[in-house]
Amino acid sequence: IQQYKVISFNLFDSLVLRNVLFPQDIFRILDKQIYENYGIRDFRYIRLNVENEVRNQSNQEDVGIDDIYNEIKLRYSEIPVNEIKELEYQVELENIIPNPYVQQIFECAKEKEIWIVSDTYMPKEFVYRILEKCGYSNYNKVYLSGENGKSKLSGALYKHILEENNVQSSDWLHIGDDYQRD
């Protein structure tokens, strides 16, 4: 870590973990609450299918949660999308915990420039809430694929970050859980 000027961290499954077996289990929890609150069954299928279609139709590499819920609103006017989107945020936040192993690395890097770089549809304001809940505060910048329309997988998000910050890749260490994306 000492040889790098910038240390960046992936968010999900790196800095933070969901306390469920699979990330998709969040949608099962959400499904139960939506049924209890609104009487809508199997919302997760609507949510995930619309997300896939929005991604496939987009001319960008990634989309944001508002893109997904706006499309749900167009297709299913009877669904209270704003309330359900807020419920999705709530379920995510309730099931997020810090990763103690990566948290130690984060603490070792606190004298460096620290960036959070994530392929996620979640908005920056919500990511700030996740980071705050998990005790991460000494970071400098947050880059999200859904807000930039560029992904880590293609390398476009990394290229954008390098150009924006005028940093050489040899001065930057990224820490994550996915060999292809990170």
C-alpha atoms as a PDB file:
ATOM      1  CA  ILE A   1       0.000   0.000   0.000  1.00  0.00           C
ATOM      2  CA  GLN A   2       2.837   2.360   0.826  1.00  0.00           C
ATOM      3  CA  GLN A   3       4.141   2.534  -2.750  1.00  0.00           C
ATOM      4  CA  TYR A   4       0.845   3.855  -4.169  1.00  0.00           C
ATOM      5  CA  LYS A   5      -0.523   7.393  -4.131  1.00  0.00           C
ATOM      6  CA  VAL A   6      -4.137   6.304  -4.484  1.00  0.00           C
ATOM      7  CA  ILE A   7      -5.927   3.307  -2.995  1.00  0.00           C
ATOM      8  CA  SER A   8      -9.419   2.522  -4.212  1.00  0.00           C
ATOM      9  CA  PHE A   9     -11.919  -0.005  -2.967  1.00  0.00           C
ATOM     10  CA  ASN A  10     -14.819  -1.794  -4.531  1.00  0.00           C
ATOM     11  CA  LEU A  11     -17.947  -1.390  -2.428  1.00  0.00           C
ATOM     12  CA  PHE A  12     -20.155  -4.493  -2.436  1.00  0.00           C
ATOM     13  CA  ASP A  13     -18.529  -7.778  -1.381  1.00  0.00           C
ATOM     14  CA  SER A  14     -15.349  -5.844  -0.610  1.00  0.00           C
ATOM     15  CA  LEU A  15     -15.725  -2.881   1.768  1.00  0.00           C
ATOM     16  CA  VAL A  16     -19.203  -4.010   2.748  1.00  0.00           C
ATOM     17  CA  LEU A  17     -21.042  -7.304   2.790  1.00  0.00           C
ATOM     18  CA  ARG A  18     -24.702  -8.150   2.658  1.00  0.00           C
ATOM     19  CA  ASN A  19     -25.648 -10.464   5.499  1.00  0.00           C
ATOM     20  CA  VAL A  20     -27.458 -12.802   3.095  1.00  0.00           C
ATOM     21  CA  LEU A  21     -26.166 -15.858   1.251  1.00  0.00           C
ATOM     22  CA  PHE A  22     -26.608 -14.389  -2.248  1.00  0.00           C
ATOM     23  CA  PRO A  23     -27.019 -10.710  -3.238  1.00  0.00           C
ATOM     24  CA  GLN A  24     -30.325 -11.621  -4.925  1.00  0.00           C
ATOM     25  CA  ASP A  25     -31.664 -12.651  -1.503  1.00  0.00           C
ATOM     26  CA  ILE A  26     -32.132  -8.940  -0.803  1.00  0.00           C
ATOM     27  CA  PHE A  27     -34.931  -9.061  -3.381  1.00  0.00           C
ATOM     28  CA  ARG A  28     -36.556 -11.998  -1.561  1.00  0.00           C
ATOM     29  CA  ILE A  29     -36.639  -9.954   1.637  1.00  0.00           C
ATOM     30  CA  LEU A  30     -37.946  -6.974  -0.332  1.00  0.00           C
ATOM     31  CA  ASP A  31     -40.585  -9.199  -1.931  1.00  0.00           C
ATOM     32  CA  LYS A  32     -41.934 -10.259   1.449  1.00  0.00           C
ATOM     33  CA  GLN A  33     -42.177  -6.669   2.686  1.00  0.00           C
ATOM     34  CA  ILE A  34     -43.825  -5.477  -0.536  1.00  0.00           C
ATOM     35  CA  TYR A  35     -46.425  -8.209  -0.256  1.00  0.00           C
ATOM     36  CA  GLU A  36     -47.078  -7.358   3.400  1.00  0.00           C
ATOM     37  CA  ASN A  37     -47.283  -3.596   2.740  1.00  0.00           C
ATOM     38  CA  TYR A  38     -48.864  -3.414  -0.719  1.00  0.00           C
ATOM     39  CA  GLY A  39     -50.285  -6.853  -1.517  1.00  0.00           C
ATOM     40  CA  ILE A  40     -48.072  -7.177  -4.605  1.00  0.00           C
ATOM     41  CA  ARG A  41     -46.726 -10.695  -5.150  1.00  0.00           C
ATOM     42  CA  ASP A  42     -43.385 -11.566  -6.740  1.00  0.00           C
ATOM     43  CA  PHE A  43     -42.258  -7.987  -7.296  1.00  0.00           C
ATOM     44  CA  ARG A  44     -38.655  -9.205  -7.537  1.00  0.00           C
ATOM     45  CA  TYR A  45     -39.412 -10.735 -10.938  1.00  0.00           C
ATOM     46  CA  ILE A  46     -40.779  -7.440 -12.232  1.00  0.00           C
ATOM     47  CA  ARG A  47     -37.853  -5.530 -10.719  1.00  0.00           C
ATOM     48  CA  LEU A  48     -35.117  -7.823 -12.056  1.00  0.00           C
ATOM     49  CA  ASN A  49     -36.694  -8.274 -15.507  1.00  0.00           C
ATOM     50  CA  VAL A  50     -37.133  -4.541 -15.965  1.00  0.00           C
ATOM     51  CA  GLU A  51     -33.560  -3.936 -14.809  1.00  0.00           C
ATOM     52  CA  ASN A  52     -32.250  -6.409 -17.402  1.00  0.00           C
ATOM     53  CA  GLU A  53     -34.358  -4.836 -20.154  1.00  0.00           C
ATOM     54  CA  VAL A  54     -33.307  -1.289 -19.219  1.00  0.00           C
ATOM     55  CA  ARG A  55     -29.659  -2.365 -19.278  1.00  0.00           C
ATOM     56  CA  ASN A  56     -30.089  -4.056 -22.664  1.00  0.00           C
ATOM     57  CA  GLN A  57     -31.836  -1.025 -24.172  1.00  0.00           C
ATOM     58  CA  SER A  58     -29.415   1.538 -22.782  1.00  0.00           C
ATOM     59  CA  ASN A  59     -26.680   3.032 -24.926  1.00  0.00           C
ATOM     60  CA  GLN A  60     -24.550   3.330 -21.786  1.00  0.00           C
ATOM     61  CA  GLU A  61     -22.610   0.598 -20.034  1.00  0.00           C
ATOM     62  CA  ASP A  62     -24.624   0.876 -16.831  1.00  0.00           C
ATOM     63  CA  VAL A  63     -27.849   2.384 -15.568  1.00  0.00           C
ATOM     64  CA  GLY A  64     -29.069   3.878 -12.310  1.00  0.00           C
ATOM     65  CA  ILE A  65     -31.849   2.803 -10.006  1.00  0.00           C
ATOM     66  CA  ASP A  66     -34.002   5.730 -11.164  1.00  0.00           C
ATOM     67  CA  ASP A  67     -33.800   4.426 -14.729  1.00  0.00           C
ATOM     68  CA  ILE A  68     -35.107   1.075 -13.498  1.00  0.00           C
ATOM     69  CA  TYR A  69     -37.930   2.432 -11.376  1.00  0.00           C
ATOM     70  CA  ASN A  70     -38.971   4.990 -14.015  1.00  0.00           C
ATOM     71  CA  GLU A  71     -39.466   2.110 -16.425  1.00  0.00           C
ATOM     72  CA  ILE A  72     -41.447   0.150 -13.832  1.00  0.00           C
ATOM     73  CA  LYS A  73     -43.655   3.218 -13.355  1.00  0.00           C
ATOM     74  CA  LEU A  74     -44.288   3.426 -17.118  1.00  0.00           C
ATOM     75  CA  ARG A  75     -45.241  -0.237 -17.363  1.00  0.00           C
ATOM     76  CA  TYR A  76     -47.062  -0.717 -14.070  1.00  0.00           C
ATOM     77  CA  SER A  77     -48.789   2.519 -13.131  1.00  0.00           C
ATOM     78  CA  GLU A  78     -50.580   0.826 -10.209  1.00  0.00           C
ATOM     79  CA  ILE A  79     -47.288   0.050  -8.424  1.00  0.00           C
ATOM     80  CA  PRO A  80     -46.207   2.698  -5.862  1.00  0.00           C
ATOM     81  CA  VAL A  81     -42.672   2.901  -7.242  1.00  0.00           C
ATOM     82  CA  ASN A  82     -41.361   5.706  -5.028  1.00  0.00           C
ATOM     83  CA  GLU A  83     -42.380   3.871  -1.865  1.00  0.00           C
ATOM     84  CA  ILE A  84     -40.980   0.575  -3.118  1.00  0.00           C
ATOM     85  CA  LYS A  85     -37.691   2.170  -4.176  1.00  0.00           C
ATOM     86  CA  GLU A  86     -37.360   3.610  -0.660  1.00  0.00           C
ATOM     87  CA  LEU A  87     -38.153   0.174   0.741  1.00  0.00           C
ATOM     88  CA  GLU A  88     -35.376  -1.291  -1.431  1.00  0.00           C
ATOM     89  CA  TYR A  89     -32.939   1.232   0.046  1.00  0.00           C
ATOM     90  CA  GLN A  90     -34.144   0.344   3.552  1.00  0.00           C
ATOM     91  CA  VAL A  91     -33.745  -3.414   3.008  1.00  0.00           C
ATOM     92  CA  GLU A  92     -30.264  -2.915   1.531  1.00  0.00           C
ATOM     93  CA  LEU A  93     -29.194  -0.709   4.422  1.00  0.00           C
ATOM     94  CA  GLU A  94     -30.593  -3.095   7.036  1.00  0.00           C
ATOM     95  CA  ASN A  95     -28.592  -5.964   5.537  1.00  0.00           C
ATOM     96  CA  ILE A  96     -25.259  -4.211   4.991  1.00  0.00           C
ATOM     97  CA  ILE A  97     -22.346  -4.805   7.329  1.00  0.00           C
ATOM     98  CA  PRO A  98     -18.691  -3.763   7.107  1.00  0.00           C
ATOM     99  CA  ASN A  99     -16.211  -6.367   5.906  1.00  0.00           C
ATOM    100  CA  PRO A 100     -13.784  -6.543   8.858  1.00  0.00           C
ATOM    101  CA  TYR A 101     -10.880  -7.812   6.731  1.00  0.00           C
ATOM    102  CA  VAL A 102     -11.102  -5.061   4.128  1.00  0.00           C
ATOM    103  CA  GLN A 103     -11.843  -2.543   6.867  1.00  0.00           C
ATOM    104  CA  GLN A 104      -8.365  -3.244   8.266  1.00  0.00           C
ATOM    105  CA  ILE A 105      -6.830  -2.571   4.862  1.00  0.00           C
ATOM    106  CA  PHE A 106      -8.896   0.611   4.590  1.00  0.00           C
ATOM    107  CA  GLU A 107      -7.489   1.766   7.935  1.00  0.00           C
ATOM    108  CA  CYS A 108      -3.932   1.092   6.731  1.00  0.00           C
ATOM    109  CA  ALA A 109      -4.598   3.281   3.699  1.00  0.00           C
ATOM    110  CA  LYS A 110      -6.033   6.270   5.557  1.00  0.00           C
ATOM    111  CA  GLU A 111      -2.929   8.395   4.909  1.00  0.00           C
ATOM    112  CA  LYS A 112      -3.460   7.932   1.158  1.00  0.00           C
ATOM    113  CA  GLU A 113      -5.976   9.322  -1.302  1.00  0.00           C
ATOM    114  CA  ILE A 114      -8.898   6.862  -1.019  1.00  0.00           C
ATOM    115  CA  TRP A 115     -11.547   6.335  -3.675  1.00  0.00           C
ATOM    116  CA  ILE A 116     -14.615   4.126  -3.696  1.00  0.00           C
ATOM    117  CA  VAL A 117     -15.160   2.649  -7.174  1.00  0.00           C
ATOM    118  CA  SER A 118     -18.186   0.460  -7.754  1.00  0.00           C
ATOM    119  CA  ASP A 119     -20.290  -1.038 -10.511  1.00  0.00           C
ATOM    120  CA  THR A 120     -23.678  -0.290  -8.986  1.00  0.00           C
ATOM    121  CA  TYR A 121     -27.025   1.189  -9.950  1.00  0.00           C
ATOM    122  CA  MET A 122     -27.329   2.792  -6.514  1.00  0.00           C
ATOM    123  CA  PRO A 123     -27.017   6.599  -6.368  1.00  0.00           C
ATOM    124  CA  LYS A 124     -24.126   8.331  -4.662  1.00  0.00           C
ATOM    125  CA  GLU A 125     -26.312   9.696  -1.839  1.00  0.00           C
ATOM    126  CA  PHE A 126     -27.301   6.154  -0.897  1.00  0.00           C
ATOM    127  CA  VAL A 127     -23.716   4.900  -1.139  1.00  0.00           C
ATOM    128  CA  TYR A 128     -22.754   7.658   1.313  1.00  0.00           C
ATOM    129  CA  ARG A 129     -25.359   6.264   3.743  1.00  0.00           C
ATOM    130  CA  ILE A 130     -23.908   2.751   3.377  1.00  0.00           C
ATOM    131  CA  LEU A 131     -20.380   3.993   3.985  1.00  0.00           C
ATOM    132  CA  GLU A 132     -21.473   6.006   7.012  1.00  0.00           C
ATOM    133  CA  LYS A 133     -23.384   3.065   8.501  1.00  0.00           C
ATOM    134  CA  CYS A 134     -20.325   0.835   8.122  1.00  0.00           C
ATOM    135  CA  GLY A 135     -17.919   3.352   9.642  1.00  0.00           C
ATOM    136  CA  TYR A 136     -16.078   4.459   6.498  1.00  0.00           C
ATOM    137  CA  SER A 137     -15.432   8.185   6.530  1.00  0.00           C
ATOM    138  CA  ASN A 138     -11.903   8.936   5.399  1.00  0.00           C
ATOM    139  CA  TYR A 139     -12.396   8.568   1.647  1.00  0.00           C
ATOM    140  CA  ASN A 140     -11.911  11.300  -0.909  1.00  0.00           C
ATOM    141  CA  LYS A 141     -14.049  10.390  -3.914  1.00  0.00           C
ATOM    142  CA  VAL A 142     -16.807   8.011  -4.965  1.00  0.00           C
ATOM    143  CA  TYR A 143     -17.199   6.755  -8.540  1.00  0.00           C
ATOM    144  CA  LEU A 144     -20.260   4.724  -9.519  1.00  0.00           C
ATOM    145  CA  SER A 145     -20.974   3.067 -12.849  1.00  0.00           C
ATOM    146  CA  GLY A 146     -24.689   3.854 -12.720  1.00  0.00           C
ATOM    147  CA  GLU A 147     -24.006   7.573 -12.425  1.00  0.00           C
ATOM    148  CA  ASN A 148     -21.203   7.642 -14.983  1.00  0.00           C
ATOM    149  CA  GLY A 149     -22.707   5.216 -17.498  1.00  0.00           C
ATOM    150  CA  LYS A 150     -19.302   3.522 -17.629  1.00  0.00           C
ATOM    151  CA  SER A 151     -18.406   0.179 -16.093  1.00  0.00           C
ATOM    152  CA  LYS A 152     -15.379  -1.314 -14.428  1.00  0.00           C
ATOM    153  CA  LEU A 153     -15.779  -4.496 -16.470  1.00  0.00           C
ATOM    154  CA  SER A 154     -15.068  -2.688 -19.759  1.00  0.00           C
ATOM    155  CA  GLY A 155     -12.365  -0.566 -18.163  1.00  0.00           C
ATOM    156  CA  ALA A 156     -14.144   2.639 -19.201  1.00  0.00           C
ATOM    157  CA  LEU A 157     -14.834   3.707 -15.610  1.00  0.00           C
ATOM    158  CA  TYR A 158     -11.175   3.238 -14.685  1.00  0.00           C
ATOM    159  CA  LYS A 159     -10.067   5.203 -17.745  1.00  0.00           C
ATOM    160  CA  HIS A 160     -12.486   8.007 -16.853  1.00  0.00           C
ATOM    161  CA  ILE A 161     -11.130   8.134 -13.296  1.00  0.00           C
ATOM    162  CA  LEU A 162      -7.504   8.190 -14.439  1.00  0.00           C
ATOM    163  CA  GLU A 163      -8.180  11.027 -16.870  1.00  0.00           C
ATOM    164  CA  GLU A 164     -10.253  13.051 -14.406  1.00  0.00           C
ATOM    165  CA  ASN A 165      -7.586  12.807 -11.711  1.00  0.00           C
ATOM    166  CA  ASN A 166      -4.497  12.962 -13.932  1.00  0.00           C
ATOM    167  CA  VAL A 167      -3.108   9.876 -12.184  1.00  0.00           C
ATOM    168  CA  GLN A 168      -0.902   7.166 -13.634  1.00  0.00           C
ATOM    169  CA  SER A 169      -2.208   3.618 -13.251  1.00  0.00           C
ATOM    170  CA  SER A 170       1.127   2.651 -11.655  1.00  0.00           C
ATOM    171  CA  ASP A 171       0.310   5.033  -8.775  1.00  0.00           C
ATOM    172  CA  TRP A 172      -3.100   3.474  -8.115  1.00  0.00           C
ATOM    173  CA  LEU A 173      -3.990   0.245  -6.290  1.00  0.00           C
ATOM    174  CA  HIS A 174      -7.577  -0.992  -6.533  1.00  0.00           C
ATOM    175  CA  ILE A 175      -8.859  -3.571  -4.046  1.00  0.00           C
ATOM    176  CA  GLY A 176     -11.916  -5.672  -4.815  1.00  0.00           C
ATOM    177  CA  ASP A 177     -13.404  -9.133  -4.899  1.00  0.00           C
ATOM    178  CA  ASP A 178     -13.874  -9.747  -8.633  1.00  0.00           C
ATOM    179  CA  TYR A 179     -10.809 -10.548 -10.709  1.00  0.00           C
ATOM    180  CA  GLN A 180     -12.405  -9.384 -13.979  1.00  0.00           C
ATOM    181  CA  ARG A 181     -14.052  -6.205 -12.717  1.00  0.00           C
ATOM    182  CA  ASP A 182     -11.555  -5.170 -10.077  1.00  0.00           C
END
